[in-house]
Protein backbone atom coordinates (compact mmCIF):
# COMPACT_ATOMS: atom_id res chain seq x y z
CA MET A 1 12.28 3.34 -15.18
CA LYS A 2 8.86 1.70 -14.92
CA ILE A 3 6.83 0.79 -11.85
CA ILE A 4 4.61 -2.31 -11.98
CA VAL A 5 1.86 -2.37 -9.34
CA PRO A 6 -0.10 -5.62 -8.92
CA MET A 7 -3.25 -4.72 -6.96
CA ALA A 8 -6.04 -7.03 -8.11
CA GLY A 9 -6.59 -8.69 -4.71
CA ARG A 10 -9.96 -8.51 -3.00
CA GLY A 11 -8.63 -7.07 0.26
CA SER A 12 -10.93 -9.36 2.26
CA ARG A 13 -9.13 -8.71 5.58
CA LEU A 14 -10.03 -5.01 5.31
CA ARG A 15 -13.75 -5.53 4.79
CA PRO A 16 -16.22 -3.83 4.92
CA HIS A 17 -14.11 -0.96 3.52
CA THR A 18 -13.00 -2.95 0.48
CA LEU A 19 -16.53 -3.94 -0.50
CA THR A 20 -16.93 -0.60 -2.28
CA VAL A 21 -13.33 0.65 -2.67
CA PRO A 22 -10.26 -1.41 -3.70
CA LYS A 23 -7.86 -1.70 -0.76
CA PRO A 24 -5.03 0.26 -2.44
CA LEU A 25 -7.38 3.24 -2.77
CA VAL A 26 -8.27 3.32 0.93
CA PRO A 27 -6.77 6.56 2.28
CA VAL A 28 -4.03 6.72 4.89
CA ALA A 29 -3.34 10.23 6.22
CA GLY A 30 -5.40 11.69 3.41
CA LYS A 31 -3.89 9.83 0.44
CA PRO A 32 -4.74 6.45 -1.11
CA ILE A 33 -2.30 3.70 -0.11
CA VAL A 34 -1.21 3.13 -3.73
CA GLN A 35 -0.55 6.82 -4.29
CA ARG A 36 1.72 6.96 -1.24
CA LEU A 37 3.49 3.81 -2.38
CA VAL A 38 4.38 5.03 -5.88
CA GLU A 39 5.33 8.49 -4.57
CA ASP A 40 7.73 6.92 -2.06
CA ILE A 41 9.24 4.71 -4.78
CA ALA A 42 9.67 7.66 -7.14
CA GLU A 43 11.60 9.45 -4.37
CA VAL A 44 14.24 6.69 -4.14
CA CYS A 45 14.69 6.45 -7.93
CA LYS A 46 17.49 8.37 -9.58
CA GLU A 47 15.93 8.00 -13.02
CA THR A 48 12.62 9.50 -14.08
CA VAL A 49 9.64 7.15 -13.81
CA GLU A 50 8.22 6.97 -17.33
CA GLU A 51 5.36 4.52 -16.82
CA ILE A 52 3.32 3.10 -13.96
CA ALA A 53 1.41 -0.06 -14.86
CA PHE A 54 -1.46 -0.98 -12.52
CA ILE A 55 -2.70 -4.59 -12.55
CA ILE A 56 -6.27 -4.59 -11.29
CA GLY A 57 -9.48 -6.58 -11.12
CA ASP A 58 -12.87 -5.34 -12.27
CA PHE A 59 -12.66 -2.08 -10.32
CA GLY A 60 -14.66 0.10 -12.68
CA GLU A 61 -13.94 3.10 -14.90
CA GLU A 62 -13.71 5.67 -12.10
CA VAL A 63 -11.00 3.71 -10.29
CA GLU A 64 -9.06 3.31 -13.52
CA LYS A 65 -9.21 7.07 -14.14
CA GLU A 66 -8.01 7.74 -10.59
CA LEU A 67 -5.05 5.40 -11.01
CA VAL A 68 -4.04 6.95 -14.33
CA GLN A 69 -4.19 10.35 -12.65
CA VAL A 70 -1.91 9.11 -9.84
CA ALA A 71 0.68 8.22 -12.49
CA GLU A 72 0.25 11.45 -14.42
CA ASN A 73 0.72 13.50 -11.24
CA LEU A 74 4.23 11.97 -11.10
CA GLY A 75 4.88 12.82 -14.75
CA ALA A 76 4.47 9.19 -15.83
CA LYS A 77 2.18 7.37 -18.23
CA GLY A 78 -0.52 5.38 -16.45
CA SER A 79 -1.34 1.94 -17.89
CA ILE A 80 -4.10 -0.45 -16.82
CA TYR A 81 -3.86 -4.25 -17.03
CA TYR A 82 -6.24 -6.87 -15.68
CA GLN A 83 -5.85 -10.02 -13.60
CA GLU A 84 -9.11 -11.94 -13.85
CA GLU A 85 -8.12 -14.84 -11.60
CA ALA A 86 -5.89 -14.89 -8.50
CA LEU A 87 -3.15 -17.33 -9.50
CA GLY A 88 -0.20 -16.00 -7.56
CA THR A 89 2.37 -13.23 -7.60
CA ALA A 90 4.19 -14.37 -10.75
CA HIS A 91 0.91 -14.58 -12.66
CA ALA A 92 -0.13 -11.12 -11.43
CA ILE A 93 3.04 -9.46 -12.72
CA MET A 94 2.85 -11.32 -16.02
CA CYS A 95 -0.57 -9.77 -16.64
CA ALA A 96 1.39 -6.59 -17.49
CA GLU A 97 3.61 -8.47 -19.96
CA PRO A 98 3.85 -5.60 -22.53
CA ALA A 99 5.36 -3.34 -19.84
CA LEU A 100 8.01 -5.82 -18.69
CA ASP A 101 11.20 -4.49 -20.25
CA GLY A 102 14.06 -2.22 -19.28
CA LYS A 103 14.54 -1.19 -15.66
CA LEU A 104 11.57 -2.08 -13.46
CA ILE A 105 10.35 -1.75 -9.92
CA VAL A 106 7.60 -4.21 -8.97
CA ALA A 107 5.60 -3.06 -5.94
CA PHE A 108 2.61 -4.90 -4.50
CA ALA A 109 0.11 -2.31 -3.36
CA ASP A 110 -0.68 -3.46 0.18
CA THR A 111 2.31 -2.00 1.98
CA LEU A 112 3.93 1.30 2.82
CA PHE A 113 7.55 1.89 3.70
CA LYS A 114 10.04 4.50 4.81
CA THR A 115 13.73 4.36 3.91
CA ASP A 116 16.58 6.79 3.47
CA PHE A 117 18.63 5.06 0.74
CA GLN A 118 18.74 5.90 -2.98
CA LEU A 119 18.13 3.08 -5.44
CA ASP A 120 21.42 1.79 -6.90
CA GLU A 121 20.29 1.08 -10.44
CA ALA A 122 23.64 -0.52 -11.31
CA GLN A 123 22.65 -3.59 -9.28
CA ASP A 124 21.20 -6.57 -11.14
CA GLY A 125 18.33 -6.72 -8.69
CA ILE A 126 17.23 -5.45 -5.29
CA VAL A 127 14.69 -7.10 -3.00
CA TRP A 128 13.33 -4.89 -0.23
CA VAL A 129 13.23 -6.73 3.10
CA SER A 130 12.39 -6.06 6.72
CA GLN A 131 13.54 -7.94 9.81
CA ILE A 132 10.50 -9.32 11.65
CA ASP A 133 9.83 -11.64 14.58
CA ASP A 134 7.59 -14.15 12.76
CA PRO A 135 8.40 -14.45 9.04
CA SER A 136 6.40 -17.64 8.47
CA ALA A 137 3.62 -15.83 6.56
CA PHE A 138 6.03 -14.18 4.12
CA GLY A 139 8.66 -14.99 1.56
CA VAL A 140 12.11 -14.64 3.11
CA VAL A 141 15.70 -14.34 1.90
CA LYS A 142 19.02 -15.72 3.09
CA LEU A 143 22.25 -13.72 2.70
CA ASN A 144 25.92 -14.66 2.40
CA HIS A 145 28.84 -12.82 3.99
CA GLU A 146 28.97 -10.42 1.00
CA ASN A 147 25.36 -9.33 1.64
CA VAL A 148 24.17 -11.08 -1.52
CA ILE A 149 20.93 -13.09 -1.50
CA THR A 150 21.58 -16.82 -1.71
CA ASP A 151 18.07 -18.25 -1.27
CA PHE A 152 14.42 -17.25 -1.70
CA VAL A 153 11.96 -19.25 0.38
CA GLU A 154 8.18 -18.78 0.15
CA LYS A 155 6.38 -18.89 3.54
CA PRO A 156 8.82 -21.23 5.31
CA GLU A 157 7.25 -23.74 7.69
CA THR A 158 10.50 -23.98 9.66
CA TYR A 159 12.85 -21.09 10.44
CA VAL A 160 15.05 -20.04 7.51
CA SER A 161 15.58 -16.32 8.02
CA ASP A 162 13.94 -13.33 9.72
CA LEU A 163 14.35 -11.10 6.63
CA ALA A 164 10.85 -10.93 5.17
CA ILE A 165 10.29 -9.79 1.58
CA ILE A 166 7.98 -6.78 1.80
CA GLY A 167 6.78 -6.93 -1.80
CA ILE A 168 8.99 -4.35 -3.57
CA TYR A 169 11.65 -5.39 -6.09
CA TYR A 170 14.04 -3.74 -8.56
CA PHE A 171 15.11 -5.45 -11.79
CA LYS A 172 17.78 -4.05 -14.08
CA ASP A 173 16.60 -6.33 -16.90
CA GLY A 174 12.80 -6.44 -17.10
CA ALA A 175 12.87 -8.64 -20.20
CA PHE A 176 14.79 -11.34 -18.29
CA LEU A 177 12.18 -11.24 -15.53
CA ARG A 178 9.45 -11.56 -18.16
CA SER A 179 11.07 -14.64 -19.70
CA GLU A 180 11.39 -16.37 -16.32
CA LEU A 181 7.79 -15.60 -15.40
CA LYS A 182 6.67 -16.94 -18.77
CA TYR A 183 8.65 -20.13 -18.15
CA LEU A 184 6.76 -20.75 -14.88
CA LEU A 185 3.37 -20.22 -16.50
CA ASP A 186 4.14 -22.16 -19.68
CA ASN A 187 5.39 -25.15 -17.66
CA ASP A 188 2.73 -24.90 -14.94
CA ILE A 189 5.33 -24.63 -12.18
CA LYS A 190 3.54 -23.79 -8.94
CA ASP A 191 4.44 -23.55 -5.26
CA LYS A 192 1.68 -23.96 -2.69
CA GLY A 193 -0.84 -24.00 -5.54
CA GLU A 194 0.17 -20.70 -7.16
CA TYR A 195 2.72 -19.24 -9.56
CA GLN A 196 5.23 -17.60 -7.22
CA LEU A 197 7.57 -14.73 -8.02
CA THR A 198 10.15 -16.23 -5.64
CA ASN A 199 10.53 -19.20 -8.03
CA ALA A 200 11.35 -16.83 -10.88
CA LEU A 201 13.84 -14.99 -8.66
CA GLU A 202 15.51 -18.27 -7.74
CA ASN A 203 15.84 -19.18 -11.44
CA MET A 204 17.27 -15.75 -12.27
CA LYS A 205 19.78 -16.08 -9.42
CA ASN A 206 20.87 -19.51 -10.64
CA LYS A 207 21.49 -18.02 -14.10
CA GLY A 208 23.78 -15.31 -12.75
CA THR A 209 21.57 -12.45 -11.56
CA LYS A 210 22.97 -11.03 -8.32
CA PHE A 211 20.24 -9.87 -5.95
CA VAL A 212 21.00 -7.72 -2.90
CA PRO A 213 18.67 -6.66 -0.07
CA GLY A 214 17.22 -3.19 0.23
CA LYS A 215 16.41 -2.67 3.90
CA VAL A 216 13.65 -0.30 4.92
CA ASP A 217 13.57 1.74 8.11
CA THR A 218 9.83 1.26 8.59
CA TRP A 219 7.43 -1.24 7.01
CA LEU A 220 3.74 -0.46 7.41
CA ASP A 221 1.07 -3.05 6.78
CA CYS A 222 -2.43 -2.07 5.64
CA GLY A 223 -3.93 -5.55 5.65
CA ASN A 224 -6.74 -5.05 8.18
CA LYS A 225 -8.49 -2.31 10.13
CA ASN A 226 -6.15 -2.25 13.11
CA ALA A 227 -3.03 -2.33 10.93
CA THR A 228 -4.38 0.45 8.70
CA VAL A 229 -5.20 2.68 11.69
CA HIS A 230 -1.70 1.99 13.04
CA SER A 231 -0.19 2.89 9.66
CA ASN A 232 -2.24 6.09 9.61
CA ARG A 233 -0.71 7.01 12.99
CA ASN A 234 2.81 6.37 11.72
CA VAL A 235 2.40 8.26 8.45
CA LEU A 236 0.97 11.25 10.31
CA GLU A 237 4.03 11.21 12.55
CA PHE A 238 6.31 11.10 9.50
CA ASP A 239 4.42 14.00 7.89
CA LYS A 240 3.87 16.12 10.99
CA HIS A 241 6.23 18.83 9.70
CA LYS A 242 3.87 19.34 6.72
CA GLU A 243 0.69 21.41 6.61
CA LEU A 244 -1.97 18.74 7.08
CA VAL A 245 -5.04 20.87 7.89
CA HIS A 246 -6.71 22.34 4.81
CA PRO A 247 -7.34 26.10 5.01
CA SER A 248 -11.05 25.58 4.21
CA VAL A 249 -11.63 23.67 7.48
CA VAL A 250 -14.32 25.26 9.66
CA LYS A 251 -13.52 24.90 13.36
CA GLU A 252 -16.18 25.98 15.87
CA ASN A 253 -15.34 25.63 19.57
CA SER A 254 -13.09 22.70 18.65
CA ILE A 255 -9.51 21.60 19.23
CA ILE A 256 -7.22 19.76 16.81
CA ILE A 257 -4.41 17.88 18.58
CA PRO A 258 -1.68 17.24 15.98
CA PRO A 259 -0.64 15.40 14.02
CA CYS A 260 -3.93 15.16 12.13
CA PHE A 261 -4.94 15.28 8.49
CA ILE A 262 -8.10 17.34 8.08
CA GLY A 263 -9.34 17.54 4.48
CA GLU A 264 -11.07 20.16 2.39
CA ASN A 265 -14.40 21.60 3.59
CA VAL A 266 -14.43 19.64 6.84
CA ILE A 267 -16.54 21.10 9.67
CA LEU A 268 -15.60 20.53 13.31
CA LYS A 269 -18.06 21.65 16.00
CA ASN A 270 -17.70 21.32 19.77
CA SER A 271 -15.17 18.52 19.33
CA VAL A 272 -11.67 17.39 20.20
CA VAL A 273 -9.96 15.72 17.24
CA GLY A 274 -6.57 14.05 17.53
CA PRO A 275 -3.95 13.02 17.82
CA HIS A 276 -3.52 10.70 14.83
CA VAL A 277 -6.85 11.34 13.13
CA SER A 278 -7.52 11.65 9.40
CA VAL A 279 -10.77 13.24 8.27
CA GLY A 280 -11.68 13.17 4.57
CA SER A 281 -13.14 16.04 2.56
CA GLY A 282 -16.71 17.15 3.17
CA SER A 283 -17.04 15.38 6.52
CA THR A 284 -18.39 16.83 9.77
CA VAL A 285 -17.54 16.00 13.37
CA THR A 286 -19.90 17.40 16.00
CA ASP A 287 -19.99 17.05 19.82
CA SER A 288 -17.36 14.31 19.67
CA VAL A 289 -13.96 13.17 20.89
CA VAL A 290 -11.95 11.37 18.20
CA LYS A 291 -8.41 9.99 18.26
CA ASP A 292 -6.45 7.29 16.40
CA THR A 293 -9.15 7.11 13.75
CA ILE A 294 -9.64 7.31 9.99
CA ILE A 295 -12.82 9.05 8.82
CA GLN A 296 -13.26 9.08 5.05
CA ARG A 297 -15.12 11.47 2.73
CA GLU A 298 -18.62 12.93 3.27
CA THR A 299 -19.06 11.21 6.63
CA HIS A 300 -20.96 12.74 9.53
CA VAL A 301 -20.09 11.95 13.15
CA LYS A 302 -22.11 13.31 16.07
CA GLY A 303 -21.96 12.70 19.81
CA ALA A 304 -19.28 10.03 19.47
CA ASN A 305 -16.21 8.96 21.41
CA LEU A 306 -14.05 7.19 18.84
CA MET A 307 -10.65 5.54 19.20
CA ASN A 308 -8.84 2.98 17.00
CA SER A 309 -11.67 3.23 14.50
CA MET A 310 -12.18 3.44 10.76
CA LEU A 311 -15.28 4.90 9.13
CA GLY A 312 -15.88 4.74 5.38
CA ASN A 313 -17.36 7.25 2.95
CA HIS A 314 -20.89 8.66 3.36
CA VAL A 315 -21.34 7.23 6.86
CA HIS A 316 -23.76 8.74 9.41
CA TYR A 317 -22.75 7.83 12.95
CA SER A 318 -23.86 9.15 16.34
CA ASN A 319 -24.01 8.43 20.07
CA GLN A 320 -22.18 5.11 20.10
CA PRO A 321 -18.75 5.11 21.83
CA GLU A 322 -16.95 2.18 20.19
CA ASP A 323 -13.87 0.68 18.59
CA LEU A 324 -15.29 0.61 15.07
CA SER A 325 -14.84 -0.48 11.50
CA VAL A 326 -17.77 0.89 9.50
CA GLY A 327 -18.08 0.58 5.73
CA ASP A 328 -19.36 3.07 3.16
CA TYR A 329 -22.96 4.33 3.09
CA THR A 330 -23.80 3.10 6.58
CA ALA A 331 -26.03 4.85 9.12
CA ILE A 332 -25.65 4.08 12.85
CA GLU A 333 -27.62 6.38 15.11
CA GLY A 334 -28.31 6.13 18.82
């Protein structure tokens, strides 16, 4: 089994945090989004994951090393491929052409999910979906009475279905997927100006591939600040049975209201932290009340009252009660 992870997007809706860190490496409950994604996928696979191929932009050598380490921590080979121009989902996957064979899971790295089913690798293909109120911004699927997918529609302008494709797919035959993607690119077949994976899926279906839906219990978006903070809350609730406070944490006259992730060498002084707070390694929180907030690494908060906020790495922040989204290496002092 291989996992293909297209993640070259700019993450503009999550700025300023994605100006210095690619969106899939932004932490949720103490782990980068992409790490959580591939770990969750590995859990539903019956077969061992042998390779994880990451399709990235110009993210730099340190990011590439971190991604390879994510794969190696799961016992898989980490491979790096590049998408230099945003030309659609089909184009993004095809950038990892050498890895497209055998059994594959394709997972776009801007979503998290929770599900309790095991992947049925005997199926021709599985498309993970979630029932939502407004599916117009997503690709959707239609099903027949046998629970088989009959149609793939990209961002329908009129109602087709409320089963939105969440961006995770299983293919029994990766080489067949590769050939259909290549056909789209070679013949310049676009939908809404881009090469769309849903067109390749439709062609595969018409040639006999039977796709079925894989329904998730929870679908978590990490597209913008509010959504990412909300996802942090949900993941902390899912993980609340785990030990989330590192033993090196220094707590002076402070209270932690669980569930919270508190990283290595964090110092809390005269503060109330939680619920639903994540604090990255090396950070300090002093004379503050913090809840529903993500604080990343080496950030220093003093005299603050924070809620529904997100602070980047190496931030210095004090005396400003706010609903915040503050990028890396920022100083805000009252």
